[in-house]
Amino acid sequence: MMVSLPEVIQAQTTFQPKQIEFDWKGIVYRYEKAFDFSLHTNGFIIGYNSGRILTYNKTRYYHFSIGYMGDPRERRQNKNIPLANMTSKSFSYGKLNSLYMLRAGIGRKKYLSEKAKRKGIALGYSYEVGPAIAMLKPNYLYLLFSENQNGTLVDELRAERYSSENADVFLDYNRIYGGGGFTRGWKELTFTPGLQARGGILFSLGAYDKYVKMIEVGIMADLFIKKISILAETEAVSNKPYFINLYLTLQLGARRN
């Protein structure tokens, strides 16, 4: 019995197994830890996140951070007045306190887009809620006082924080020499408790890879039990117990099992 060459080739072609194409999504890690740096419309935040990866695209995380919150009505200036061995420092007129924030929260993030490759940008969202503490550091100014010494008026500079006793001097622009410096006031911190929440859209490079590389944009809110006194209140200026800001976050870290 003779079999022609074309028939042999056809038989080989018919019985050749088909290659299976695998859809690799990368390793599903169990834990995720990352540091982040955020800029928002009135300040900045430095944070740390510790997460538990529930599925390949869902993570529950705990967030801890410290940050600075300014007031958009602040106007920093410097009179540039040399005096003896001193030069005036910049200050914000009417500013009573500098506001620093401690935040903690529990949140979730979810990726909406699946990537067949381990590299690529995945789109997702995140949200969190938790406690917040407002830390107010008194703002010191060098103020000009005139004292009568033996019938002669002598000018004297004093670094003072705002009080009801010196309010007329502290808020008198002509008697302000300059700022009292960053280091003053740390031993006089006051604390106000509150709540914080945030939610945003995230863009992750290599979302299923070992390393966390993510950018997030969103909106954040802080609410406290009373007004936070940043500026001296007048008919035109009033402090408030809440802050709402837009933010941009860069997050870097690693995943592991």
C-alpha atoms as a PDB file:
ATOM      1  CA  MET A   1       0.000   0.000   0.000  1.00  0.00           C
ATOM      2  CA  MET A   2       1.461   3.317  -0.995  1.00  0.00           C
ATOM      3  CA  VAL A   3       0.680   6.635   0.692  1.00  0.00           C
ATOM      4  CA  SER A   4       1.416   9.828  -1.148  1.00  0.00           C
ATOM      5  CA  LEU A   5       3.523  12.563   0.394  1.00  0.00           C
ATOM      6  CA  PRO A   6       0.695  15.179   0.413  1.00  0.00           C
ATOM      7  CA  GLU A   7      -1.478  12.781   2.466  1.00  0.00           C
ATOM      8  CA  VAL A   8       1.280  12.387   5.088  1.00  0.00           C
ATOM      9  CA  ILE A   9       1.715  16.139   5.377  1.00  0.00           C
ATOM     10  CA  GLN A  10      -2.049  16.589   5.688  1.00  0.00           C
ATOM     11  CA  ALA A  11      -2.236  13.981   8.472  1.00  0.00           C
ATOM     12  CA  GLN A  12       0.573  15.660  10.399  1.00  0.00           C
ATOM     13  CA  THR A  13      -1.150  18.990  10.073  1.00  0.00           C
ATOM     14  CA  THR A  14      -4.471  17.584  11.254  1.00  0.00           C
ATOM     15  CA  PHE A  15      -3.137  15.965  14.435  1.00  0.00           C
ATOM     16  CA  GLN A  16      -0.744  18.770  15.476  1.00  0.00           C
ATOM     17  CA  PRO A  17      -1.860  20.012  18.926  1.00  0.00           C
ATOM     18  CA  LYS A  18      -2.926  23.657  19.226  1.00  0.00           C
ATOM     19  CA  GLN A  19      -0.836  25.909  21.464  1.00  0.00           C
ATOM     20  CA  ILE A  20      -2.670  27.362  24.454  1.00  0.00           C
ATOM     21  CA  GLU A  21      -2.317  31.104  25.044  1.00  0.00           C
ATOM     22  CA  PHE A  22      -2.177  31.909  28.745  1.00  0.00           C
ATOM     23  CA  ASP A  23      -3.543  35.193  30.073  1.00  0.00           C
ATOM     24  CA  TRP A  24      -0.905  36.093  32.653  1.00  0.00           C
ATOM     25  CA  LYS A  25      -2.009  38.622  35.277  1.00  0.00           C
ATOM     26  CA  GLY A  26       1.046  38.280  37.495  1.00  0.00           C
ATOM     27  CA  ILE A  27       1.398  36.898  40.993  1.00  0.00           C
ATOM     28  CA  VAL A  28      -1.381  37.694  43.461  1.00  0.00           C
ATOM     29  CA  TYR A  29       0.468  39.014  46.524  1.00  0.00           C
ATOM     30  CA  ARG A  30      -1.041  39.075  50.010  1.00  0.00           C
ATOM     31  CA  TYR A  31       0.313  42.298  51.520  1.00  0.00           C
ATOM     32  CA  GLU A  32       1.126  45.797  50.339  1.00  0.00           C
ATOM     33  CA  LYS A  33       3.111  48.522  52.110  1.00  0.00           C
ATOM     34  CA  ALA A  34       3.779  51.963  50.668  1.00  0.00           C
ATOM     35  CA  PHE A  35       4.730  55.544  51.465  1.00  0.00           C
ATOM     36  CA  ASP A  36       2.972  58.432  49.804  1.00  0.00           C
ATOM     37  CA  PHE A  37       3.428  62.162  49.349  1.00  0.00           C
ATOM     38  CA  SER A  38       0.385  64.330  48.665  1.00  0.00           C
ATOM     39  CA  LEU A  39      -0.021  67.920  47.575  1.00  0.00           C
ATOM     40  CA  HIS A  40      -3.437  69.464  48.163  1.00  0.00           C
ATOM     41  CA  THR A  41      -4.936  72.863  47.525  1.00  0.00           C
ATOM     42  CA  ASN A  42      -3.802  74.221  50.913  1.00  0.00           C
ATOM     43  CA  GLY A  43      -0.800  72.155  51.961  1.00  0.00           C
ATOM     44  CA  PHE A  44       0.887  68.766  51.872  1.00  0.00           C
ATOM     45  CA  ILE A  45       0.753  65.290  53.486  1.00  0.00           C
ATOM     46  CA  ILE A  46       3.333  62.559  54.122  1.00  0.00           C
ATOM     47  CA  GLY A  47       1.731  59.165  54.703  1.00  0.00           C
ATOM     48  CA  TYR A  48       2.201  55.430  55.180  1.00  0.00           C
ATOM     49  CA  ASN A  49      -0.152  52.668  54.024  1.00  0.00           C
ATOM     50  CA  SER A  50      -0.322  49.024  55.105  1.00  0.00           C
ATOM     51  CA  GLY A  51      -2.681  46.894  53.038  1.00  0.00           C
ATOM     52  CA  ARG A  52      -4.114  43.389  52.803  1.00  0.00           C
ATOM     53  CA  ILE A  53      -4.689  42.261  49.211  1.00  0.00           C
ATOM     54  CA  LEU A  54      -8.077  40.520  49.218  1.00  0.00           C
ATOM     55  CA  THR A  55      -8.173  39.574  45.519  1.00  0.00           C
ATOM     56  CA  TYR A  56      -5.953  40.439  42.575  1.00  0.00           C
ATOM     57  CA  ASN A  57      -7.795  43.767  42.125  1.00  0.00           C
ATOM     58  CA  LYS A  58      -9.092  44.594  45.637  1.00  0.00           C
ATOM     59  CA  THR A  59      -7.085  45.816  48.632  1.00  0.00           C
ATOM     60  CA  ARG A  60      -8.071  46.853  52.158  1.00  0.00           C
ATOM     61  CA  TYR A  61      -5.566  49.226  53.736  1.00  0.00           C
ATOM     62  CA  TYR A  62      -4.779  51.260  56.851  1.00  0.00           C
ATOM     63  CA  HIS A  63      -3.493  54.798  56.412  1.00  0.00           C
ATOM     64  CA  PHE A  64      -1.431  57.012  58.757  1.00  0.00           C
ATOM     65  CA  SER A  65      -0.197  60.498  57.893  1.00  0.00           C
ATOM     66  CA  ILE A  66       0.981  63.888  59.066  1.00  0.00           C
ATOM     67  CA  GLY A  67       0.544  67.070  57.080  1.00  0.00           C
ATOM     68  CA  TYR A  68       0.308  70.838  56.993  1.00  0.00           C
ATOM     69  CA  MET A  69      -2.826  72.857  56.300  1.00  0.00           C
ATOM     70  CA  GLY A  70      -2.697  76.528  55.393  1.00  0.00           C
ATOM     71  CA  ASP A  71      -5.425  79.097  54.857  1.00  0.00           C
ATOM     72  CA  PRO A  72      -5.831  80.535  51.345  1.00  0.00           C
ATOM     73  CA  ARG A  73      -6.308  84.000  52.859  1.00  0.00           C
ATOM     74  CA  GLU A  74      -2.777  84.049  54.306  1.00  0.00           C
ATOM     75  CA  ARG A  75      -0.406  86.576  52.737  1.00  0.00           C
ATOM     76  CA  ARG A  76       3.225  86.027  53.634  1.00  0.00           C
ATOM     77  CA  GLN A  77       5.442  89.131  53.614  1.00  0.00           C
ATOM     78  CA  ASN A  78       8.743  90.473  54.901  1.00  0.00           C
ATOM     79  CA  LYS A  79       9.492  94.054  55.902  1.00  0.00           C
ATOM     80  CA  ASN A  80      13.247  93.439  55.424  1.00  0.00           C
ATOM     81  CA  ILE A  81      14.231  95.671  58.323  1.00  0.00           C
ATOM     82  CA  PRO A  82      17.821  95.273  59.613  1.00  0.00           C
ATOM     83  CA  LEU A  83      18.160  95.940  63.335  1.00  0.00           C
ATOM     84  CA  ALA A  84      21.423  95.511  65.281  1.00  0.00           C
ATOM     85  CA  ASN A  85      22.440  91.888  64.613  1.00  0.00           C
ATOM     86  CA  MET A  86      18.976  90.828  63.406  1.00  0.00           C
ATOM     87  CA  THR A  87      17.141  90.849  60.101  1.00  0.00           C
ATOM     88  CA  SER A  88      13.372  90.620  60.039  1.00  0.00           C
ATOM     89  CA  LYS A  89      11.785  87.289  59.051  1.00  0.00           C
ATOM     90  CA  SER A  90       8.694  86.796  56.940  1.00  0.00           C
ATOM     91  CA  PHE A  91       5.260  86.589  58.577  1.00  0.00           C
ATOM     92  CA  SER A  92       1.563  86.360  57.734  1.00  0.00           C
ATOM     93  CA  TYR A  93      -0.397  89.284  59.127  1.00  0.00           C
ATOM     94  CA  GLY A  94      -3.254  88.185  61.388  1.00  0.00           C
ATOM     95  CA  LYS A  95      -2.129  84.553  61.585  1.00  0.00           C
ATOM     96  CA  LEU A  96      -2.604  83.156  65.089  1.00  0.00           C
ATOM     97  CA  ASN A  97      -1.631  79.506  64.650  1.00  0.00           C
ATOM     98  CA  SER A  98      -0.023  77.089  62.214  1.00  0.00           C
ATOM     99  CA  LEU A  99      -2.150  73.996  61.593  1.00  0.00           C
ATOM    100  CA  TYR A 100      -0.699  70.494  61.352  1.00  0.00           C
ATOM    101  CA  MET A 101      -2.833  67.387  60.856  1.00  0.00           C
ATOM    102  CA  LEU A 102      -2.562  63.829  62.115  1.00  0.00           C
ATOM    103  CA  ARG A 103      -4.793  61.430  60.198  1.00  0.00           C
ATOM    104  CA  ALA A 104      -5.561  57.719  60.350  1.00  0.00           C
ATOM    105  CA  GLY A 105      -8.023  55.736  58.294  1.00  0.00           C
ATOM    106  CA  ILE A 106      -9.214  52.448  56.922  1.00  0.00           C
ATOM    107  CA  GLY A 107      -9.966  52.235  53.231  1.00  0.00           C
ATOM    108  CA  ARG A 108     -10.325  50.140  50.128  1.00  0.00           C
ATOM    109  CA  LYS A 109      -9.070  50.385  46.597  1.00  0.00           C
ATOM    110  CA  LYS A 110     -10.186  48.516  43.521  1.00  0.00           C
ATOM    111  CA  TYR A 111      -8.721  48.295  40.028  1.00  0.00           C
ATOM    112  CA  LEU A 112     -11.276  48.466  37.242  1.00  0.00           C
ATOM    113  CA  SER A 113      -9.083  47.510  34.284  1.00  0.00           C
ATOM    114  CA  GLU A 114      -7.427  44.116  33.902  1.00  0.00           C
ATOM    115  CA  LYS A 115      -4.012  43.978  32.291  1.00  0.00           C
ATOM    116  CA  ALA A 116      -2.871  40.837  30.472  1.00  0.00           C
ATOM    117  CA  LYS A 117       0.702  41.964  30.989  1.00  0.00           C
ATOM    118  CA  ARG A 118       2.399  42.543  34.291  1.00  0.00           C
ATOM    119  CA  LYS A 119       3.392  45.975  33.052  1.00  0.00           C
ATOM    120  CA  GLY A 120       0.855  48.613  32.118  1.00  0.00           C
ATOM    121  CA  ILE A 121      -1.346  51.318  33.633  1.00  0.00           C
ATOM    122  CA  ALA A 122      -4.422  50.103  35.510  1.00  0.00           C
ATOM    123  CA  LEU A 123      -7.311  52.419  36.374  1.00  0.00           C
ATOM    124  CA  GLY A 124      -9.092  52.190  39.715  1.00  0.00           C
ATOM    125  CA  TYR A 125     -10.578  54.053  42.653  1.00  0.00           C
ATOM    126  CA  SER A 126     -10.047  54.277  46.407  1.00  0.00           C
ATOM    127  CA  TYR A 127     -11.822  55.644  49.462  1.00  0.00           C
ATOM    128  CA  GLU A 128     -11.106  55.869  53.180  1.00  0.00           C
ATOM    129  CA  VAL A 129     -12.496  57.286  56.416  1.00  0.00           C
ATOM    130  CA  GLY A 130     -11.080  57.666  59.899  1.00  0.00           C
ATOM    131  CA  PRO A 131     -10.107  59.964  62.785  1.00  0.00           C
ATOM    132  CA  ALA A 132      -8.133  63.188  62.487  1.00  0.00           C
ATOM    133  CA  ILE A 133      -6.417  65.448  65.006  1.00  0.00           C
ATOM    134  CA  ALA A 134      -5.759  69.139  64.374  1.00  0.00           C
ATOM    135  CA  MET A 135      -2.541  70.318  66.041  1.00  0.00           C
ATOM    136  CA  LEU A 136      -2.313  74.082  66.445  1.00  0.00           C
ATOM    137  CA  LYS A 137       1.134  75.613  66.988  1.00  0.00           C
ATOM    138  CA  PRO A 138       1.033  79.241  68.185  1.00  0.00           C
ATOM    139  CA  ASN A 139       2.440  81.757  65.735  1.00  0.00           C
ATOM    140  CA  TYR A 140       5.035  84.080  67.271  1.00  0.00           C
ATOM    141  CA  LEU A 141       5.844  87.591  66.062  1.00  0.00           C
ATOM    142  CA  TYR A 142       8.560  90.029  67.043  1.00  0.00           C
ATOM    143  CA  LEU A 143       6.605  93.039  68.295  1.00  0.00           C
ATOM    144  CA  LEU A 144       7.824  96.549  69.028  1.00  0.00           C
ATOM    145  CA  PHE A 145       7.119  97.836  72.538  1.00  0.00           C
ATOM    146  CA  SER A 146       8.011 101.259  73.921  1.00  0.00           C
ATOM    147  CA  GLU A 147       8.860 101.541  77.605  1.00  0.00           C
ATOM    148  CA  ASN A 148       9.539 104.556  79.777  1.00  0.00           C
ATOM    149  CA  GLN A 149      12.912 104.177  81.427  1.00  0.00           C
ATOM    150  CA  ASN A 150      13.847 107.125  83.640  1.00  0.00           C
ATOM    151  CA  GLY A 151      11.734 109.484  81.589  1.00  0.00           C
ATOM    152  CA  THR A 152      13.031 108.200  78.254  1.00  0.00           C
ATOM    153  CA  LEU A 153      11.043 106.057  75.822  1.00  0.00           C
ATOM    154  CA  VAL A 154      13.031 102.974  74.886  1.00  0.00           C
ATOM    155  CA  ASP A 155      11.958 100.631  72.084  1.00  0.00           C
ATOM    156  CA  GLU A 156      12.160  96.909  72.771  1.00  0.00           C
ATOM    157  CA  LEU A 157      11.507  93.845  70.607  1.00  0.00           C
ATOM    158  CA  ARG A 158       9.681  90.886  72.129  1.00  0.00           C
ATOM    159  CA  ALA A 159       8.702  87.573  70.565  1.00  0.00           C
ATOM    160  CA  GLU A 160       5.087  86.959  71.592  1.00  0.00           C
ATOM    161  CA  ARG A 161       2.094  84.851  70.592  1.00  0.00           C
ATOM    162  CA  TYR A 162      -1.389  86.292  70.301  1.00  0.00           C
ATOM    163  CA  SER A 163      -3.384  86.849  73.491  1.00  0.00           C
ATOM    164  CA  SER A 164      -6.244  89.051  74.614  1.00  0.00           C
ATOM    165  CA  GLU A 165      -3.715  91.203  76.516  1.00  0.00           C
ATOM    166  CA  ASN A 166      -1.508  91.984  73.498  1.00  0.00           C
ATOM    167  CA  ALA A 167      -4.173  91.879  70.768  1.00  0.00           C
ATOM    168  CA  ASP A 168      -3.888  95.606  70.009  1.00  0.00           C
ATOM    169  CA  VAL A 169      -0.119  95.250  69.458  1.00  0.00           C
ATOM    170  CA  PHE A 170      -0.179  91.852  67.705  1.00  0.00           C
ATOM    171  CA  LEU A 171      -2.663  93.162  65.129  1.00  0.00           C
ATOM    172  CA  ASP A 172      -1.013  96.573  64.710  1.00  0.00           C
ATOM    173  CA  TYR A 173       0.882  96.255  61.426  1.00  0.00           C
ATOM    174  CA  ASN A 174       3.206  99.157  62.249  1.00  0.00           C
ATOM    175  CA  ARG A 175       4.391  97.464  65.463  1.00  0.00           C
ATOM    176  CA  ILE A 176       5.253  94.143  63.821  1.00  0.00           C
ATOM    177  CA  TYR A 177       8.966  93.727  63.166  1.00  0.00           C
ATOM    178  CA  GLY A 178       8.800  90.219  61.688  1.00  0.00           C
ATOM    179  CA  GLY A 179       8.120  86.546  62.261  1.00  0.00           C
ATOM    180  CA  GLY A 180       9.268  84.823  65.430  1.00  0.00           C
ATOM    181  CA  GLY A 181      10.670  81.753  63.656  1.00  0.00           C
ATOM    182  CA  PHE A 182       9.601  78.167  63.002  1.00  0.00           C
ATOM    183  CA  THR A 183      11.039  76.692  66.208  1.00  0.00           C
ATOM    184  CA  ARG A 184       8.875  78.675  68.639  1.00  0.00           C
ATOM    185  CA  GLY A 185       5.578  77.316  69.917  1.00  0.00           C
ATOM    186  CA  TRP A 186       6.127  73.557  69.666  1.00  0.00           C
ATOM    187  CA  LYS A 187       5.795  73.126  73.440  1.00  0.00           C
ATOM    188  CA  GLU A 188       2.430  74.908  73.374  1.00  0.00           C
ATOM    189  CA  LEU A 189       0.544  72.688  70.930  1.00  0.00           C
ATOM    190  CA  THR A 190      -3.217  72.328  71.349  1.00  0.00           C
ATOM    191  CA  PHE A 191      -5.237  69.441  69.927  1.00  0.00           C
ATOM    192  CA  THR A 192      -8.735  69.209  68.445  1.00  0.00           C
ATOM    193  CA  PRO A 193     -10.262  65.839  67.428  1.00  0.00           C
ATOM    194  CA  GLY A 194     -12.289  65.242  64.298  1.00  0.00           C
ATOM    195  CA  LEU A 195     -12.959  62.992  61.319  1.00  0.00           C
ATOM    196  CA  GLN A 196     -11.454  62.762  57.853  1.00  0.00           C
ATOM    197  CA  ALA A 197     -12.518  61.134  54.591  1.00  0.00           C
ATOM    198  CA  ARG A 198     -11.168  61.009  51.068  1.00  0.00           C
ATOM    199  CA  GLY A 199     -11.897  59.396  47.737  1.00  0.00           C
ATOM    200  CA  GLY A 200     -10.075  59.407  44.439  1.00  0.00           C
ATOM    201  CA  ILE A 201      -9.231  57.947  41.064  1.00  0.00           C
ATOM    202  CA  LEU A 202      -5.935  56.062  40.874  1.00  0.00           C
ATOM    203  CA  PHE A 203      -3.567  55.193  38.055  1.00  0.00           C
ATOM    204  CA  SER A 204      -1.191  52.340  38.860  1.00  0.00           C
ATOM    205  CA  LEU A 205       1.845  51.296  36.824  1.00  0.00           C
ATOM    206  CA  GLY A 206       2.218  47.520  37.075  1.00  0.00           C
ATOM    207  CA  ALA A 207      -0.798  47.088  39.356  1.00  0.00           C
ATOM    208  CA  TYR A 208      -0.137  43.354  39.717  1.00  0.00           C
ATOM    209  CA  ASP A 209       3.645  43.661  39.957  1.00  0.00           C
ATOM    210  CA  LYS A 210       5.846  43.416  43.049  1.00  0.00           C
ATOM    211  CA  TYR A 211       6.332  47.167  43.372  1.00  0.00           C
ATOM    212  CA  VAL A 212       3.687  49.808  44.042  1.00  0.00           C
ATOM    213  CA  LYS A 213       3.890  52.796  41.678  1.00  0.00           C
ATOM    214  CA  MET A 214       0.705  54.814  41.768  1.00  0.00           C
ATOM    215  CA  ILE A 215      -0.693  58.300  41.205  1.00  0.00           C
ATOM    216  CA  GLU A 216      -4.030  59.287  42.709  1.00  0.00           C
ATOM    217  CA  VAL A 217      -6.205  62.392  42.322  1.00  0.00           C
ATOM    218  CA  GLY A 218      -9.300  63.103  44.365  1.00  0.00           C
ATOM    219  CA  ILE A 219     -11.127  65.124  47.007  1.00  0.00           C
ATOM    220  CA  MET A 220     -10.589  65.086  50.778  1.00  0.00           C
ATOM    221  CA  ALA A 221     -12.490  66.508  53.752  1.00  0.00           C
ATOM    222  CA  ASP A 222     -11.664  67.136  57.431  1.00  0.00           C
ATOM    223  CA  LEU A 223     -14.340  67.954  60.027  1.00  0.00           C
ATOM    224  CA  PHE A 224     -13.638  68.980  63.653  1.00  0.00           C
ATOM    225  CA  ILE A 225     -15.712  69.502  66.789  1.00  0.00           C
ATOM    226  CA  LYS A 226     -15.068  73.261  66.812  1.00  0.00           C
ATOM    227  CA  LYS A 227     -13.617  76.059  64.725  1.00  0.00           C
ATOM    228  CA  ILE A 228      -9.903  75.803  63.987  1.00  0.00           C
ATOM    229  CA  SER A 229      -8.321  79.179  64.783  1.00  0.00           C
ATOM    230  CA  ILE A 230      -5.768  79.924  62.101  1.00  0.00           C
ATOM    231  CA  LEU A 231      -6.451  83.631  61.546  1.00  0.00           C
ATOM    232  CA  ALA A 232      -7.662  86.424  63.804  1.00  0.00           C
ATOM    233  CA  GLU A 233     -11.397  86.788  63.252  1.00  0.00           C
ATOM    234  CA  THR A 234     -12.871  90.057  62.022  1.00  0.00           C
ATOM    235  CA  GLU A 235     -16.117  91.032  60.314  1.00  0.00           C
ATOM    236  CA  ALA A 236     -14.586  89.874  57.026  1.00  0.00           C
ATOM    237  CA  VAL A 237     -12.590  86.878  58.292  1.00  0.00           C
ATOM    238  CA  SER A 238     -14.073  83.843  60.030  1.00  0.00           C
ATOM    239  CA  ASN A 239     -12.491  80.508  60.905  1.00  0.00           C
ATOM    240  CA  LYS A 240     -14.355  77.254  60.263  1.00  0.00           C
ATOM    241  CA  PRO A 241     -14.475  73.688  61.645  1.00  0.00           C
ATOM    242  CA  TYR A 242     -14.029  71.949  58.290  1.00  0.00           C
ATOM    243  CA  PHE A 243     -11.670  71.855  55.309  1.00  0.00           C
ATOM    244  CA  ILE A 244     -12.311  70.520  51.800  1.00  0.00           C
ATOM    245  CA  ASN A 245      -9.405  70.133  49.372  1.00  0.00           C
ATOM    246  CA  LEU A 246      -8.419  68.544  46.086  1.00  0.00           C
ATOM    247  CA  TYR A 247      -5.292  66.395  46.238  1.00  0.00           C
ATOM    248  CA  LEU A 248      -2.637  64.727  44.093  1.00  0.00           C
ATOM    249  CA  THR A 249      -0.757  61.741  45.577  1.00  0.00           C
ATOM    250  CA  LEU A 250       2.359  59.840  44.526  1.00  0.00           C
ATOM    251  CA  GLN A 251       2.638  56.420  46.202  1.00  0.00           C
ATOM    252  CA  LEU A 252       5.657  54.092  46.145  1.00  0.00           C
ATOM    253  CA  GLY A 253       6.068  50.768  47.914  1.00  0.00           C
ATOM    254  CA  ALA A 254       6.162  46.989  47.574  1.00  0.00           C
ATOM    255  CA  ARG A 255       3.927  43.911  47.705  1.00  0.00           C
ATOM    256  CA  ARG A 256       4.791  40.577  49.306  1.00  0.00           C
ATOM    257  CA  ASN A 257       3.364  37.236  50.394  1.00  0.00           C
END
